[in-house]
Amino acid sequence: MTSDDFPKTPADFFNYAKKHQAEMVDLKFVDMLGSWQHCSFPIDHLDTGTFEEGLGFDGSSIRGWMGIHESDMMAVPDATTARLDPFFARPTISVIANVVDPVSRQDFTRDPRNIARKAESYLKESGIADTCYVGPEPEFFIFDEVRYEQNQHRGYYEIDSVEGAWNTARIEEPNLGYKPSFKGGYFPVSPTDTFHDLRGEMVYEMRRIGIVVEAHHHEVATAGQAEIDMQFQPLVKMADQFMWYKYICKNVAKRHGKTVTFMPKPIFEDNGSGMHTHTSLWKGGKPLFAGDGYAGLSQMGLYAAGGLLKHAPAILAFAAPTTNSYRRLVPGFEAPVNLALSARNRSAAIRIPMYSKSPKAKRLEFRCPDPSCNGYLAWSAMLMAMVDGIQNKIDPGNPLDRDIYEMTRHEMREMGVRTTPGSLEEAVNALDADHAFLLKGDVFTEDLVQTWVEWKRTKELDPIRLRPHPHEFSLYYDN
């Protein structure tokens, strides 16, 4: 479908629903951590006024939101986001909502979509640019089975995949042996790549709801690691699409008895799943990052990179937001952990793609994020860091064009190369100490930042800290 086929106004919404004979509307909104929540309504329960007044729900059960004493919230649907949902038995129109306080009628400050909308507005008000384009490359795993448990006397996980390199000796009657080896999944043809058609079905569903897909392929790891790349879009639109992306990948997999995870590092000693994020600023339809500086960047592009590198540890509290994220971001394992700029070096946090000489293609590729993040928050934080870099003329430092694996630690220190945080705790502490740049223009609020910090410390870091790890039994049981 083309964009002309989708609603632009509330009146279009009802015509769209009638065209598809939909009697039900599924209202979706995103919680603080980046998961969709939903509630369905008969379409005759809505009228054009609903797109101003909204529909009520209880916000006290939504992660990171309100207490039970102030739980009433309103979800106001955005008619332009309406799409025919691919996964309901009967025709159903899904629509994304903004969340509003029912008393003040103000946009809810902890609604991630509201923060992304404010970030776009702040960019325009700054006069620097009018559009921030975002092009993510999310990776994920397709497994056949996952089992896990954690209680007082047992803690384990087990994953399996018909593609897993560990299954070359499994009795499959017959086992045909087509298993991508560890780090061998990039990217052989079928029959070794067994998931071409499944990824293709995901792509067809994405295209059906208006997502422009550029490519799909098997990724480096064994056991069904995949990547589907979307064409760049403005920040809020891409964050909306990223929600659809995850929803489609998971539900198409479930159709076929498979399960998809966006967990960054589910397999030991193989590649994790990252989400290299391409970004650029434009004004009046013209790209602003192309110039005659390093790697063809403009001075503005270099300052934007400087802002990203300066604030990267804090950004990663949103962009690599899980304890598992730092099983992937480990020095010495080809991960993008070096906070430097480079035209070619993939271990640098920011790479400048050199595939095209067109000014329109000039962009920054921030390689640290992973797909467990909430795109509304992660990309808004990246934008705010770039704006801060431009406003304060932050130098990105010397580019890192050498092979870092040939460099000593002394040489790295001499070059002043910093590294990404070594844990979620370090990233959260960095955010706690460095978030003034996020508060400009009231884009992020102190309340949201502190709620995020407190959630991560009490709901994720402390529980992980308190539990024995299975590998500790191997290390210490017989000491």
Protein backbone atom coordinates (compact mmCIF):
# COMPACT_ATOMS: atom_id res chain seq x y z
CA MET A 1 0.00 0.00 0.00
CA THR A 2 1.02 3.62 -0.50
CA SER A 3 0.67 6.39 2.06
CA ASP A 4 -2.33 7.67 0.10
CA ASP A 5 -4.28 4.56 1.13
CA PHE A 6 -4.04 5.31 4.86
CA PRO A 7 -6.17 7.76 6.88
CA LYS A 8 -5.12 11.34 7.43
CA THR A 9 -8.16 12.62 9.38
CA PRO A 10 -10.75 11.16 11.78
CA ALA A 11 -13.26 11.12 8.91
CA ASP A 12 -10.76 9.13 6.82
CA PHE A 13 -10.41 6.71 9.73
CA PHE A 14 -14.08 5.72 9.63
CA ASN A 15 -14.04 5.43 5.83
CA TYR A 16 -10.94 3.22 6.08
CA ALA A 17 -12.65 0.99 8.64
CA LYS A 18 -15.76 0.73 6.46
CA LYS A 19 -13.66 -0.13 3.41
CA HIS A 20 -12.16 -3.07 5.31
CA GLN A 21 -15.48 -4.02 6.95
CA ALA A 22 -13.88 -3.63 10.37
CA GLU A 23 -16.23 -3.61 13.34
CA MET A 24 -13.50 -3.39 15.98
CA VAL A 25 -10.75 -0.89 16.82
CA ASP A 26 -7.62 -1.91 18.72
CA LEU A 27 -6.13 1.05 20.59
CA LYS A 28 -2.39 0.72 21.19
CA PHE A 29 0.02 2.83 23.25
CA VAL A 30 3.57 2.28 24.46
CA ASP A 31 4.61 1.90 28.09
CA MET A 32 7.74 3.46 29.55
CA LEU A 33 9.98 0.46 28.79
CA GLY A 34 8.85 0.16 25.17
CA SER A 35 6.11 -2.50 25.04
CA TRP A 36 2.76 -1.97 23.37
CA GLN A 37 -0.36 -2.13 25.53
CA HIS A 38 -3.82 -2.41 23.95
CA CYS A 39 -7.54 -2.35 24.47
CA SER A 40 -10.24 -3.06 21.87
CA PHE A 41 -13.51 -1.23 21.26
CA PRO A 42 -16.45 -1.77 18.91
CA ILE A 43 -16.09 0.86 16.22
CA ASP A 44 -19.57 2.28 16.94
CA HIS A 45 -18.22 3.21 20.38
CA LEU A 46 -16.07 5.86 18.66
CA ASP A 47 -16.92 9.05 16.80
CA THR A 48 -14.85 11.93 15.46
CA GLY A 49 -14.84 13.49 18.93
CA THR A 50 -12.91 10.50 20.25
CA PHE A 51 -9.86 11.79 18.39
CA GLU A 52 -9.91 14.87 20.63
CA GLU A 53 -11.41 13.56 23.87
CA GLY A 54 -9.79 10.13 23.99
CA LEU A 55 -10.78 6.93 25.75
CA GLY A 56 -10.18 6.26 29.43
CA PHE A 57 -8.03 3.53 30.98
CA ASP A 58 -6.34 2.66 34.27
CA GLY A 59 -2.72 3.82 34.23
CA SER A 60 -1.74 2.34 37.60
CA SER A 61 -0.87 -1.05 36.12
CA ILE A 62 1.34 0.33 33.34
CA ARG A 63 5.06 -0.08 34.04
CA GLY A 64 6.67 3.09 35.35
CA TRP A 65 3.50 5.18 35.25
CA MET A 66 1.07 6.37 37.92
CA GLY A 67 0.21 5.24 41.43
CA ILE A 68 -3.21 3.79 42.18
CA HIS A 69 -4.33 7.10 43.73
CA GLU A 70 -3.90 8.91 40.39
CA SER A 71 -4.53 6.12 37.93
CA ASP A 72 -7.12 7.51 35.49
CA MET A 73 -5.60 8.30 32.09
CA MET A 74 -6.88 9.07 28.60
CA ALA A 75 -5.64 7.53 25.34
CA VAL A 76 -6.21 9.85 22.38
CA PRO A 77 -5.96 7.99 19.04
CA ASP A 78 -3.87 9.46 16.21
CA ALA A 79 -5.96 8.84 13.08
CA THR A 80 -2.91 8.96 10.80
CA THR A 81 -1.54 5.78 12.42
CA ALA A 82 -4.58 3.60 11.65
CA ARG A 83 -3.76 0.32 9.93
CA LEU A 84 -5.59 -2.94 9.28
CA ASP A 85 -4.10 -5.27 11.89
CA PRO A 86 -2.64 -8.44 10.31
CA PHE A 87 -3.16 -10.74 13.28
CA PHE A 88 -6.81 -10.70 14.37
CA ALA A 89 -9.29 -13.28 13.08
CA ARG A 90 -11.84 -10.59 12.19
CA PRO A 91 -10.98 -7.28 10.43
CA THR A 92 -9.69 -4.93 13.11
CA ILE A 93 -8.21 -1.44 12.79
CA SER A 94 -5.18 -0.79 14.99
CA VAL A 95 -4.48 2.82 15.90
CA ILE A 96 -1.68 4.30 18.04
CA ALA A 97 -2.69 6.66 20.81
CA ASN A 98 -1.10 9.55 22.68
CA VAL A 99 -1.65 9.53 26.43
CA VAL A 100 -3.24 12.54 28.15
CA ASP A 101 -3.87 13.48 31.77
CA PRO A 102 -7.71 13.55 32.11
CA VAL A 103 -7.68 16.43 34.60
CA SER A 104 -5.20 18.88 33.06
CA ARG A 105 -5.77 17.66 29.47
CA GLN A 106 -2.01 17.97 29.03
CA ASP A 107 0.09 15.37 27.26
CA PHE A 108 1.35 12.87 29.82
CA THR A 109 5.02 13.57 30.53
CA ARG A 110 5.89 9.86 30.94
CA ASP A 111 4.35 8.86 27.61
CA PRO A 112 7.37 7.96 25.42
CA ARG A 113 5.58 8.99 22.24
CA ASN A 114 4.97 12.42 23.76
CA ILE A 115 8.70 12.77 24.48
CA ALA A 116 9.55 11.93 20.86
CA ARG A 117 6.98 14.43 19.59
CA LYS A 118 8.48 17.10 21.86
CA ALA A 119 11.98 16.25 20.62
CA GLU A 120 10.90 16.86 17.02
CA SER A 121 9.28 20.17 18.02
CA TYR A 122 12.38 21.24 19.94
CA LEU A 123 14.55 20.58 16.90
CA LYS A 124 12.37 22.85 14.77
CA GLU A 125 12.26 25.56 17.44
CA SER A 126 16.06 25.48 17.71
CA GLY A 127 16.35 26.64 14.10
CA ILE A 128 19.08 24.07 13.48
CA ALA A 129 16.95 21.73 11.38
CA ASP A 130 13.34 20.73 10.83
CA THR A 131 13.70 16.94 10.47
CA CYS A 132 15.68 14.22 12.21
CA TYR A 133 15.79 11.11 10.07
CA VAL A 134 16.33 7.75 11.73
CA GLY A 135 17.20 4.48 10.00
CA PRO A 136 17.68 1.55 12.39
CA GLU A 137 19.01 -1.92 11.57
CA PRO A 138 17.37 -4.14 14.22
CA GLU A 139 18.64 -7.70 14.60
CA PHE A 140 16.77 -10.53 16.32
CA PHE A 141 16.75 -14.28 16.84
CA ILE A 142 14.13 -16.78 15.65
CA PHE A 143 14.07 -19.77 18.01
CA ASP A 144 12.03 -22.96 18.09
CA GLU A 145 11.81 -23.06 21.87
CA VAL A 146 12.79 -21.15 24.96
CA ARG A 147 12.48 -22.29 28.57
CA TYR A 148 13.63 -20.45 31.67
CA GLU A 149 13.01 -20.42 35.42
CA GLN A 150 14.31 -18.59 38.47
CA ASN A 151 13.30 -19.43 42.01
CA GLN A 152 14.91 -20.13 45.37
CA HIS A 153 16.45 -23.46 44.38
CA ARG A 154 16.78 -23.37 40.61
CA GLY A 155 17.87 -20.91 37.93
CA TYR A 156 18.34 -21.80 34.30
CA TYR A 157 17.50 -21.04 30.69
CA GLU A 158 17.45 -23.23 27.60
CA ILE A 159 16.97 -22.18 24.01
CA ASP A 160 16.83 -24.29 20.88
CA SER A 161 16.71 -23.80 17.15
CA VAL A 162 16.57 -26.18 14.21
CA GLU A 163 19.41 -24.01 12.84
CA GLY A 164 21.55 -24.20 15.99
CA ALA A 165 25.13 -25.25 15.34
CA TRP A 166 24.87 -27.44 18.44
CA ASN A 167 22.25 -29.61 16.67
CA THR A 168 24.45 -31.18 13.99
CA ALA A 169 24.27 -34.51 15.89
CA ARG A 170 20.60 -34.34 16.89
CA ILE A 171 18.35 -37.15 15.70
CA GLU A 172 16.00 -35.39 13.27
CA GLU A 173 15.06 -38.34 11.05
CA PRO A 174 16.90 -37.28 8.99
CA ASN A 175 19.32 -34.59 10.16
CA LEU A 176 20.41 -32.95 6.91
CA GLY A 177 23.24 -31.02 8.52
CA TYR A 178 22.39 -27.56 7.22
CA LYS A 179 23.21 -25.58 10.36
CA PRO A 180 24.96 -22.21 10.19
CA SER A 181 28.13 -22.52 12.25
CA PHE A 182 28.86 -20.22 15.18
CA LYS A 183 29.55 -16.83 13.59
CA GLY A 184 28.78 -18.45 10.21
CA GLY A 185 25.33 -17.02 9.48
CA TYR A 186 26.36 -14.03 7.32
CA PHE A 187 24.95 -14.93 4.88
CA PRO A 188 24.80 -18.26 3.05
CA VAL A 189 21.94 -19.13 0.72
CA SER A 190 19.39 -21.85 1.37
CA PRO A 191 19.33 -24.63 2.42
CA THR A 192 21.68 -23.34 5.15
CA ASP A 193 19.51 -20.23 5.49
CA THR A 194 16.27 -21.93 6.49
CA PHE A 195 14.39 -18.76 7.40
CA HIS A 196 14.27 -16.89 4.09
CA ASP A 197 10.53 -17.43 3.61
CA LEU A 198 9.70 -16.63 7.23
CA ARG A 199 11.61 -13.34 7.08
CA GLY A 200 9.95 -12.67 3.73
CA GLU A 201 6.51 -13.11 5.30
CA MET A 202 7.49 -10.58 7.97
CA VAL A 203 8.53 -8.17 5.22
CA TYR A 204 5.28 -8.63 3.30
CA GLU A 205 3.27 -7.84 6.43
CA MET A 206 5.39 -4.75 7.06
CA ARG A 207 4.92 -3.54 3.49
CA ARG A 208 1.17 -4.11 3.77
CA ILE A 209 0.94 -1.54 6.58
CA GLY A 210 3.14 0.99 4.77
CA ILE A 211 6.64 0.26 6.10
CA VAL A 212 9.29 0.63 3.39
CA VAL A 213 11.75 -2.25 3.77
CA GLU A 214 15.17 -2.02 2.15
CA ALA A 215 16.51 -5.55 2.75
CA HIS A 216 16.30 -8.69 4.82
CA HIS A 217 18.94 -11.35 5.44
CA HIS A 218 20.36 -13.90 7.85
CA GLU A 219 22.76 -12.39 10.36
CA VAL A 220 26.14 -13.59 11.62
CA ALA A 221 25.07 -15.83 14.50
CA THR A 222 23.83 -19.39 14.27
CA ALA A 223 20.30 -20.38 15.34
CA GLY A 224 18.23 -18.05 13.20
CA GLN A 225 19.68 -14.59 13.75
CA ALA A 226 17.98 -12.20 11.33
CA GLU A 227 17.94 -8.59 10.21
CA ILE A 228 15.25 -6.60 8.39
CA ASP A 229 16.17 -3.02 7.48
CA MET A 230 13.62 -0.23 7.19
CA GLN A 231 14.11 2.87 5.04
CA PHE A 232 14.86 5.97 7.11
CA GLN A 233 11.91 8.05 8.33
CA PRO A 234 11.35 11.07 10.63
CA LEU A 235 11.88 10.19 14.29
CA VAL A 236 8.30 9.75 15.53
CA LYS A 237 7.20 7.90 12.41
CA MET A 238 10.14 5.52 12.71
CA ALA A 239 9.47 4.94 16.41
CA ASP A 240 5.86 4.03 15.49
CA GLN A 241 7.17 1.71 12.77
CA PHE A 242 9.60 0.08 15.19
CA MET A 243 6.66 -0.89 17.42
CA TRP A 244 4.94 -2.44 14.39
CA TYR A 245 8.23 -4.11 13.41
CA LYS A 246 8.53 -5.97 16.71
CA TYR A 247 4.82 -6.82 16.75
CA ILE A 248 4.95 -8.23 13.22
CA CYS A 249 8.16 -10.24 13.71
CA LYS A 250 6.86 -11.86 16.89
CA ASN A 251 3.40 -12.65 15.55
CA VAL A 252 4.54 -13.99 12.18
CA ALA A 253 6.97 -16.26 14.02
CA LYS A 254 4.17 -17.46 16.30
CA ARG A 255 2.06 -18.33 13.24
CA HIS A 256 4.73 -20.86 12.38
CA GLY A 257 5.35 -22.20 15.86
CA LYS A 258 8.52 -20.12 16.30
CA THR A 259 9.46 -17.45 18.83
CA VAL A 260 11.33 -14.18 18.22
CA THR A 261 13.47 -12.36 20.78
CA PHE A 262 15.03 -8.89 20.59
CA MET A 263 17.20 -9.72 23.60
CA PRO A 264 20.70 -8.46 22.72
CA LYS A 265 22.74 -11.49 23.83
CA PRO A 266 20.80 -14.75 24.16
CA ILE A 267 23.61 -17.04 22.90
CA PHE A 268 26.98 -17.45 24.62
CA GLU A 269 30.09 -17.16 22.42
CA ASP A 270 28.26 -15.96 19.31
CA ASN A 271 27.24 -12.57 18.00
CA GLY A 272 24.60 -10.59 19.83
CA SER A 273 21.79 -8.55 18.30
CA GLY A 274 22.51 -4.87 17.86
CA MET A 275 20.59 -2.05 16.24
CA HIS A 276 22.98 0.21 14.36
CA THR A 277 21.08 3.48 14.03
CA HIS A 278 21.66 5.82 11.09
CA THR A 279 20.69 9.42 11.71
CA SER A 280 20.91 12.80 9.98
CA LEU A 281 19.44 16.28 10.23
CA TRP A 282 17.74 18.07 7.34
CA LYS A 283 16.27 21.53 6.81
CA GLY A 284 13.99 22.66 4.01
CA GLY A 285 14.46 19.34 2.25
CA LYS A 286 18.25 19.64 2.25
CA PRO A 287 20.74 17.42 4.13
CA LEU A 288 22.91 19.20 6.70
CA PHE A 289 25.57 16.60 7.47
CA ALA A 290 27.38 16.60 4.09
CA GLY A 291 30.49 18.76 3.71
CA ASP A 292 34.23 18.79 3.16
CA GLY A 293 35.30 17.67 6.64
CA TYR A 294 36.42 14.25 7.81
CA ALA A 295 34.69 11.44 5.88
CA GLY A 296 32.71 14.03 3.91
CA LEU A 297 30.95 15.45 6.98
CA SER A 298 29.98 19.06 7.45
CA GLN A 299 31.07 20.96 10.54
CA MET A 300 27.54 20.54 11.84
CA GLY A 301 27.78 16.80 11.32
CA LEU A 302 31.06 16.68 13.23
CA TYR A 303 29.62 18.68 16.12
CA ALA A 304 26.57 16.39 16.17
CA ALA A 305 28.95 13.42 16.43
CA GLY A 306 30.75 15.22 19.24
CA GLY A 307 27.50 15.53 21.16
CA LEU A 308 26.68 11.86 20.68
CA LEU A 309 30.13 10.79 21.87
CA LYS A 310 30.17 13.12 24.87
CA HIS A 311 26.77 11.95 26.12
CA ALA A 312 26.97 8.34 24.91
CA PRO A 313 27.22 6.76 28.39
CA ALA A 314 24.00 8.53 29.44
CA ILE A 315 22.26 7.82 26.11
CA LEU A 316 22.97 4.11 26.52
CA ALA A 317 20.80 3.98 29.64
CA PHE A 318 17.97 4.34 27.08
CA ALA A 319 19.58 2.87 23.95
CA ALA A 320 21.16 -0.25 25.52
CA PRO A 321 18.76 -0.44 28.45
CA THR A 322 19.11 -3.99 29.81
CA THR A 323 21.67 -5.85 31.89
CA ASN A 324 21.88 -8.25 28.93
CA SER A 325 22.89 -5.35 26.65
CA TYR A 326 26.32 -5.34 28.27
CA ARG A 327 26.92 -9.01 27.44
CA ARG A 328 27.08 -7.64 23.86
CA LEU A 329 28.99 -4.39 24.49
CA VAL A 330 32.20 -6.07 25.64
CA PRO A 331 35.69 -4.80 24.62
CA GLY A 332 37.74 -7.15 22.43
CA PHE A 333 34.82 -8.96 20.78
CA GLU A 334 34.21 -6.78 17.70
CA ALA A 335 31.57 -4.79 19.58
CA PRO A 336 31.23 -1.01 18.98
CA VAL A 337 32.57 -0.05 22.41
CA ASN A 338 35.07 2.68 21.47
CA LEU A 339 33.63 6.17 21.82
CA ALA A 340 35.20 7.55 18.68
CA LEU A 341 34.33 8.47 15.10
CA SER A 342 35.50 6.42 12.13
CA ALA A 343 34.86 6.22 8.40
CA ARG A 344 35.41 2.46 8.24
CA ASN A 345 36.19 0.95 11.67
CA ARG A 346 33.18 -1.04 12.88
CA SER A 347 34.43 -1.16 16.47
CA ALA A 348 33.94 2.62 16.71
CA ALA A 349 30.74 3.87 18.33
CA ILE A 350 30.05 6.13 15.33
CA ARG A 351 30.80 4.98 11.81
CA ILE A 352 30.40 7.17 8.72
CA PRO A 353 29.03 4.92 5.94
CA MET A 354 31.02 5.47 2.74
CA TYR A 355 28.86 3.50 0.29
CA SER A 356 27.57 6.61 -1.51
CA LYS A 357 28.99 10.03 -2.38
CA SER A 358 25.54 11.64 -2.50
CA PRO A 359 25.07 14.43 0.10
CA LYS A 360 21.67 12.92 0.86
CA ALA A 361 23.35 9.72 2.04
CA LYS A 362 25.72 11.43 4.48
CA ARG A 363 24.81 10.39 7.99
CA LEU A 364 26.08 9.20 11.35
CA GLU A 365 25.74 5.50 12.18
CA PHE A 366 25.56 5.15 15.97
CA ARG A 367 26.38 1.47 16.48
CA CYS A 368 25.91 1.04 20.24
CA PRO A 369 22.09 0.74 20.55
CA ASP A 370 20.32 -2.60 20.60
CA PRO A 371 16.73 -3.59 19.76
CA SER A 372 15.64 -4.09 23.38
CA CYS A 373 15.32 -0.31 23.61
CA ASN A 374 12.29 1.95 23.46
CA GLY A 375 12.83 3.79 20.16
CA TYR A 376 10.83 6.84 21.23
CA LEU A 377 13.23 7.43 24.15
CA ALA A 378 16.51 6.18 22.67
CA TRP A 379 16.26 8.18 19.45
CA SER A 380 15.00 11.28 21.25
CA ALA A 381 18.03 11.09 23.56
CA MET A 382 20.31 10.77 20.52
CA LEU A 383 18.68 13.80 18.90
CA MET A 384 19.05 15.89 22.06
CA ALA A 385 22.74 14.94 22.27
CA MET A 386 23.31 15.94 18.63
CA VAL A 387 21.59 19.29 19.16
CA ASP A 388 23.71 19.86 22.28
CA GLY A 389 26.83 19.05 20.27
CA ILE A 390 25.88 21.53 17.55
CA GLN A 391 24.89 24.30 19.95
CA ASN A 392 28.05 23.93 22.03
CA LYS A 393 30.41 23.08 19.14
CA ILE A 394 31.60 19.87 20.74
CA ASP A 395 34.66 18.40 19.01
CA PRO A 396 34.30 14.64 18.37
CA GLY A 397 38.05 14.15 18.82
CA ASN A 398 40.46 12.31 16.56
CA PRO A 399 38.95 9.67 14.30
CA LEU A 400 39.75 6.04 15.00
CA ASP A 401 40.86 4.56 11.69
CA ARG A 402 43.40 2.03 12.92
CA ASP A 403 42.69 -1.60 13.75
CA ILE A 404 42.16 -1.34 17.51
CA TYR A 405 43.13 -4.97 17.99
CA GLU A 406 46.68 -3.99 17.00
CA MET A 407 46.74 -1.11 19.52
CA THR A 408 47.97 -1.31 23.09
CA ARG A 409 45.94 0.07 25.98
CA HIS A 410 48.61 2.76 26.36
CA GLU A 411 48.07 3.84 22.73
CA MET A 412 44.32 3.95 23.30
CA ARG A 413 44.79 6.14 26.37
CA GLU A 414 47.23 8.36 24.47
CA MET A 415 44.57 8.90 21.82
CA GLY A 416 42.03 9.73 24.52
CA VAL A 417 39.62 7.01 23.37
CA ARG A 418 36.91 6.32 25.96
CA THR A 419 34.79 3.19 25.99
CA THR A 420 31.10 2.54 26.52
CA PRO A 421 29.85 1.68 30.01
CA GLY A 422 30.71 -1.83 31.13
CA SER A 423 27.32 -2.48 32.69
CA LEU A 424 23.79 -1.18 32.88
CA GLU A 425 24.61 0.17 36.31
CA GLU A 426 27.37 2.34 34.86
CA ALA A 427 25.04 3.61 32.13
CA VAL A 428 22.27 4.42 34.62
CA ASN A 429 24.74 6.23 36.86
CA ALA A 430 25.94 8.19 33.82
CA LEU A 431 22.35 9.20 33.01
CA ASP A 432 21.79 10.25 36.62
CA ALA A 433 24.88 12.48 36.46
CA ASP A 434 24.50 13.76 32.88
CA HIS A 435 20.95 14.55 31.74
CA ALA A 436 20.73 18.36 31.64
CA PHE A 437 20.98 18.15 27.84
CA LEU A 438 17.81 16.02 27.79
CA LEU A 439 15.79 18.56 29.79
CA LYS A 440 16.20 21.41 27.29
CA GLY A 441 12.88 22.52 25.83
CA ASP A 442 11.13 20.34 28.43
CA VAL A 443 11.61 17.36 26.07
CA PHE A 444 12.55 14.93 28.81
CA THR A 445 11.50 15.88 32.33
CA GLU A 446 13.35 15.36 35.59
CA ASP A 447 10.44 13.18 36.66
CA LEU A 448 10.82 10.86 33.66
CA VAL A 449 14.60 10.58 34.02
CA GLN A 450 14.42 9.82 37.73
CA THR A 451 11.56 7.35 37.23
CA TRP A 452 13.69 5.55 34.62
CA VAL A 453 16.77 5.54 36.88
CA GLU A 454 14.79 4.28 39.88
CA TRP A 455 13.05 1.57 37.82
CA LYS A 456 16.33 0.28 36.42
CA ARG A 457 17.99 0.22 39.83
CA THR A 458 15.17 -1.37 41.81
CA LYS A 459 13.42 -3.58 39.22
CA GLU A 460 16.39 -4.82 37.20
CA LEU A 461 19.81 -4.17 38.76
CA ASP A 462 18.93 -5.17 42.33
CA PRO A 463 17.12 -8.39 41.34
CA ILE A 464 20.05 -9.46 39.15
CA ARG A 465 22.51 -8.57 41.92
CA LEU A 466 20.63 -10.70 44.48
CA ARG A 467 20.46 -13.93 42.45
CA PRO A 468 23.26 -16.48 42.12
CA HIS A 469 24.35 -17.02 38.52
CA PRO A 470 24.46 -20.61 37.18
CA HIS A 471 28.09 -20.18 36.10
CA GLU A 472 29.05 -19.34 39.67
CA PHE A 473 28.42 -22.99 40.54
CA SER A 474 31.05 -23.97 37.96
CA LEU A 475 33.47 -21.44 39.38
CA TYR A 476 32.97 -21.72 43.10
CA TYR A 477 30.92 -24.73 44.22
CA ASP A 478 33.88 -26.91 45.19
CA ASN A 479 36.15 -24.13 46.50
